[in-house]
Protein backbone atom coordinates (compact mmCIF):
# COMPACT_ATOMS: atom_id res chain seq x y z
CA MET A 1 23.92 -4.46 -3.25
CA GLY A 2 22.81 -7.61 -4.32
CA GLN A 3 24.72 -10.58 -3.72
CA SER A 4 26.87 -11.19 -6.13
CA GLY A 5 27.39 -7.17 -6.63
CA ARG A 6 28.52 -7.13 -3.14
CA VAL A 7 31.21 -9.96 -3.46
CA VAL A 8 32.73 -8.11 -6.74
CA LEU A 9 32.76 -4.94 -4.59
CA ASP A 10 34.42 -6.88 -1.78
CA ALA A 11 36.79 -8.40 -4.20
CA LEU A 12 37.71 -5.29 -5.61
CA ALA A 13 38.26 -3.28 -2.31
CA ALA A 14 40.65 -6.23 -1.47
CA GLY A 15 42.93 -5.64 -4.54
CA GLU A 16 41.30 -7.85 -7.55
CA ASP A 17 41.13 -6.31 -10.45
CA ASP A 18 41.36 -9.06 -13.05
CA PRO A 19 37.72 -8.65 -15.05
CA GLY A 20 37.27 -12.53 -15.89
CA LYS A 21 38.06 -13.42 -11.93
CA LEU A 22 35.26 -10.82 -10.81
CA ALA A 23 32.64 -12.37 -13.34
CA ASP A 24 33.22 -15.88 -11.79
CA LEU A 25 32.19 -14.22 -8.81
CA VAL A 26 28.46 -13.43 -10.00
CA ARG A 27 25.86 -16.44 -8.90
CA THR A 28 23.18 -15.24 -9.66
CA ARG A 29 21.13 -15.06 -12.88
CA VAL A 30 22.01 -12.03 -14.91
CA ARG A 31 20.94 -10.90 -18.29
CA ALA A 32 24.11 -10.21 -19.62
CA SER A 33 26.80 -12.87 -21.13
CA ARG A 34 29.89 -13.34 -19.54
CA ALA A 35 31.70 -11.32 -22.45
CA GLU A 36 29.30 -7.98 -21.56
CA LEU A 37 30.17 -8.93 -17.60
CA VAL A 38 33.78 -8.93 -18.21
CA ALA A 39 33.77 -5.68 -20.59
CA ALA A 40 31.77 -4.17 -17.46
CA LEU A 41 34.30 -5.16 -15.15
CA ARG A 42 37.22 -4.38 -17.14
CA GLY A 43 39.24 -0.76 -15.67
CA ARG A 44 41.49 0.77 -13.09
CA LEU A 45 41.05 1.28 -9.62
CA ALA A 46 43.77 3.06 -7.65
CA SER A 47 45.25 2.55 -4.63
CA HIS A 48 43.24 5.52 -2.79
CA GLY A 49 40.14 4.56 -4.65
CA ARG A 50 40.47 1.38 -3.24
CA LEU A 51 40.85 2.82 0.27
CA LEU A 52 37.42 4.74 -0.36
CA LEU A 53 35.82 1.54 -1.52
CA ARG A 54 36.17 -0.26 1.78
CA LEU A 55 35.71 2.68 3.98
CA HIS A 56 32.17 3.15 2.05
CA LEU A 57 31.38 -0.65 2.46
CA VAL A 58 31.89 -0.29 6.39
CA GLN A 59 29.44 2.40 6.53
CA ALA A 60 26.86 0.07 4.60
CA ASP A 61 27.54 -2.37 7.00
CA SER A 62 27.70 -0.42 9.81
CA ILE A 63 24.34 0.83 8.23
CA ASP A 64 22.70 -2.08 8.16
CA ALA A 65 23.48 -3.25 11.37
CA ALA A 66 22.01 -0.56 13.04
CA ILE A 67 18.72 -1.40 10.59
CA ALA A 68 18.74 -4.70 11.58
CA ALA A 69 19.18 -3.89 16.01
CA ILE A 70 16.34 -1.20 15.00
CA ASP A 71 13.77 -3.86 13.16
CA GLN A 72 14.47 -6.14 16.16
CA GLU A 73 13.55 -3.48 18.98
CA VAL A 74 10.68 -2.79 16.88
CA ALA A 75 9.63 -6.37 16.34
CA GLN A 76 9.97 -6.99 20.82
CA ARG A 77 8.02 -3.63 21.50
CA LEU A 78 5.06 -4.77 18.53
CA GLU A 79 4.19 -7.98 20.22
CA PRO A 80 1.62 -7.36 22.10
CA PHE A 81 -0.13 -6.13 19.30
CA ARG A 82 0.93 -8.99 16.83
CA ASP A 83 -2.79 -10.23 16.11
CA ALA A 84 -3.77 -6.97 15.10
CA VAL A 85 -0.86 -6.35 13.03
CA THR A 86 -1.24 -9.62 11.09
CA ARG A 87 -4.92 -9.13 10.82
CA LEU A 88 -4.31 -5.98 9.10
CA THR A 89 -2.55 -7.63 6.59
CA THR A 90 -5.36 -9.62 4.96
CA MET A 91 -6.11 -6.29 3.50
CA PRO A 92 -4.71 -6.12 0.14
CA GLY A 93 -1.99 -3.08 -0.42
CA LEU A 94 -0.43 -3.33 3.39
CA SER A 95 2.68 -5.63 4.56
CA HIS A 96 3.64 -6.67 7.44
CA VAL A 97 5.89 -3.45 7.72
CA SER A 98 2.97 -0.93 6.80
CA ALA A 99 0.91 -2.42 9.25
CA SER A 100 3.07 -1.81 11.80
CA VAL A 101 3.33 1.65 11.65
CA VAL A 102 -0.54 1.71 11.05
CA VAL A 103 -1.04 0.50 14.45
CA SER A 104 1.84 2.57 15.65
CA GLU A 105 0.29 5.69 14.60
CA ILE A 106 -3.26 4.87 15.70
CA GLY A 107 -3.02 2.25 17.67
CA PHE A 108 -5.66 -0.74 18.24
CA ASP A 109 -8.04 1.06 20.79
CA MET A 110 -10.52 2.16 18.62
CA SER A 111 -12.63 3.72 20.80
CA ARG A 112 -10.80 6.91 20.62
CA PHE A 113 -12.75 7.32 17.49
CA PRO A 114 -16.43 7.08 17.83
CA THR A 115 -16.57 6.58 13.74
CA PRO A 116 -14.27 5.43 10.80
CA ALA A 117 -14.89 9.47 10.04
CA HIS A 118 -13.73 10.53 12.67
CA LEU A 119 -10.41 8.31 12.20
CA VAL A 120 -10.27 9.78 8.44
CA SER A 121 -10.59 13.24 9.10
CA TRP A 122 -7.70 13.14 11.88
CA ALA A 123 -5.70 11.51 9.31
CA GLY A 124 -6.59 14.30 6.84
CA LEU A 125 -7.95 12.33 4.06
CA CYS A 126 -10.95 14.36 3.66
CA PRO A 127 -11.07 17.65 2.00
CA ARG A 128 -11.20 20.87 4.85
CA ASN A 129 -14.25 22.03 5.26
CA ASP A 130 -13.77 25.66 3.12
CA GLU A 131 -17.35 26.49 1.94
CA SER A 132 -18.79 30.23 1.86
CA ALA A 133 -22.40 30.85 0.29
CA GLY A 134 -23.58 26.90 -0.14
CA LYS A 135 -19.60 27.09 -2.63
CA ARG A 136 -16.84 25.19 -1.50
CA ARG A 137 -14.05 26.95 -2.39
CA SER A 138 -11.27 24.31 -2.21
CA THR A 139 -11.26 20.81 -2.09
CA LYS A 140 -7.57 20.41 -0.81
CA LEU A 141 -7.15 17.89 2.43
CA ARG A 142 -6.96 18.87 6.07
CA HIS A 143 -3.97 18.32 8.13
CA GLY A 144 -3.58 15.72 9.80
CA ALA A 145 -1.17 12.60 10.65
CA PRO A 146 1.63 12.84 8.15
CA TRP A 147 3.72 10.39 8.20
CA LEU A 148 -0.05 7.80 8.16
CA LYS A 149 -1.29 9.73 5.32
CA THR A 150 1.83 9.22 3.08
CA LEU A 151 1.99 5.36 4.06
CA LEU A 152 -2.07 4.80 3.36
CA VAL A 153 -1.61 6.74 0.17
CA GLN A 154 1.45 4.34 -0.93
CA ALA A 155 0.09 1.35 0.00
CA ALA A 156 -3.44 2.39 -2.02
CA TRP A 157 -1.40 2.57 -5.04
CA ALA A 158 -0.08 -1.13 -4.41
CA ALA A 159 -3.96 -2.24 -3.44
CA VAL A 160 -5.18 -0.89 -6.90
CA ARG A 161 -3.17 -3.41 -8.88
CA VAL A 162 -4.94 -6.05 -7.22
CA LYS A 163 -7.49 -6.83 -10.19
CA ALA A 164 -11.29 -7.51 -9.66
CA SER A 165 -11.02 -5.75 -6.24
CA TYR A 166 -13.29 -3.23 -5.02
CA HIS A 167 -10.11 -0.76 -4.72
CA ASN A 168 -8.93 -1.33 -7.72
CA ALA A 169 -12.62 -0.76 -9.06
CA LEU A 170 -12.88 2.46 -7.23
CA PHE A 171 -10.02 4.03 -8.66
CA HIS A 172 -10.57 3.00 -11.63
CA ARG A 173 -14.15 4.28 -11.78
CA LEU A 174 -13.00 8.22 -10.11
CA LYS A 175 -9.81 8.31 -12.35
CA ALA A 176 -11.94 9.23 -15.30
CA ARG A 177 -13.31 12.27 -13.78
CA ARG A 178 -11.07 13.43 -10.58
CA GLY A 179 -7.37 12.42 -12.05
CA PRO A 180 -4.86 9.55 -10.85
CA LYS A 181 -4.04 11.59 -7.35
CA LYS A 182 -7.42 12.45 -6.32
CA ALA A 183 -8.91 8.90 -6.66
CA ILE A 184 -5.80 6.91 -5.23
CA VAL A 185 -6.60 9.52 -2.11
CA ALA A 186 -10.13 8.35 -2.14
CA VAL A 187 -9.31 4.70 -2.37
CA ALA A 188 -6.71 5.42 0.56
CA ALA A 189 -9.78 6.67 2.98
CA PRO A 190 -12.07 3.94 2.50
CA MET A 191 -8.94 1.40 3.24
CA LEU A 192 -8.49 3.54 6.52
CA THR A 193 -12.19 3.31 7.56
CA ALA A 194 -12.07 -0.87 6.38
CA ILE A 195 -9.10 -0.70 9.10
CA HIS A 196 -11.16 1.05 11.49
CA VAL A 197 -13.34 -1.65 11.38
CA MET A 198 -11.19 -4.14 11.10
CA LEU A 199 -9.64 -3.45 14.28
CA GLN A 200 -12.88 -2.43 16.36
CA ARG A 201 -14.55 -6.07 15.49
CA ARG A 202 -11.02 -7.98 15.22
CA ALA A 203 -11.96 -8.86 11.74
CA ALA A 204 -9.97 -10.08 9.40
CA TYR A 205 -10.25 -8.24 5.68
CA ARG A 206 -13.19 -9.10 3.11
CA ASP A 207 -13.43 -7.70 -0.08
CA LEU A 208 -16.28 -5.73 -1.58
CA GLY A 209 -16.00 -7.17 -4.99
CA ALA A 210 -15.48 -5.59 -8.17
CA ASP A 211 -18.77 -5.49 -8.83
CA HIS A 212 -20.02 -3.51 -5.56
CA PHE A 213 -20.66 -0.50 -7.89
CA GLU A 214 -23.02 -2.22 -9.82
CA ARG A 215 -25.00 -4.18 -7.21
CA ALA A 216 -25.24 -0.72 -5.52
CA GLN A 217 -26.91 0.65 -8.12
CA GLN A 218 -29.30 -2.05 -8.84
CA GLN A 219 -30.17 -2.16 -5.18
CA ARG A 220 -31.15 1.81 -5.23
CA LEU A 221 -33.02 1.35 -9.07
CA ALA A 222 -35.12 -1.44 -7.05
CA HIS A 223 -36.10 0.93 -4.10
CA ARG A 224 -36.72 3.85 -6.12
CA LEU A 225 -38.75 1.84 -8.53
CA THR A 226 -40.94 -0.28 -5.40
CA LYS A 227 -41.21 3.51 -3.51
CA LYS A 228 -42.55 4.67 -6.98
CA LEU A 229 -44.84 1.56 -7.07
CA GLN A 230 -46.25 2.23 -3.74
CA GLN A 231 -46.60 5.84 -4.05
CA LEU A 232 -49.05 4.55 -6.94
CA GLY A 233 -50.75 2.69 -4.51
CA PHE A 234 -49.53 -0.87 -5.13
CA ASP A 235 -48.08 -3.19 -2.74
CA VAL A 236 -44.22 -4.32 -3.53
CA VAL A 237 -43.02 -7.63 -2.42
CA LEU A 238 -39.40 -7.88 -3.82
CA THR A 239 -38.02 -11.24 -4.00
CA GLN A 240 -34.22 -11.46 -5.10
CA ARG A 241 -34.09 -14.38 -8.38
CA ALA A 242 -31.61 -16.48 -8.54
CA SER A 243 -29.54 -16.15 -11.56
CA THR A 244 -29.92 -18.15 -14.51
CA THR A 245 -27.35 -18.65 -17.47
CA VAL A 246 -29.13 -17.92 -20.39
CA PRO A 247 -27.85 -20.52 -23.05
CA CYS A 248 -26.33 -19.28 -26.10
């Protein structure tokens, strides 16, 4: 149903059956040669087939008109939340449409969710509490907002495709141990956490970087070694050394 395809369908419905003339209607660049197009458009279309084709095209036009009317109404209703939607689109994986769905599902007043963890739990992006005698019997997700959960998982798949990003590093870090399905849910949860912070603080998205986990590991190691030295009776003062380039 592209531009050239629709023109060809309209010509067929109008009675045109010359494959050469139909091939001339294709204006966009296609990989197929003209001879291949002519061969693909050669065939017979009876009168009843043309009638059905016209009916289908009319139905397609009516559906497109209904979608356009709905989009216009949604755009008008989202106008008070335009700033929040625009702010969310700064996060990789969230388009204008998906950001609009997020705002429509959770609103922009985050006072209803005291912490990001409350929002993640409400959305159903965390494991349910199924534990007995200190052993976790199930890691299935909680029942939450189905539309929001599905959207965020789809947005997470788009976010992990961004190279040298926090989401990409998190996904590949978890994929080897948990598999791609659990890893992508684990990416969707921090995305919703970031959405809570962005809406609460009215701030744009700031990526933690692909080296976030390496930096966090270094900080934990430095803290552990400092604590050990203090236990041995030493006073330790840590200063961040500027990174230097070692000549080859």
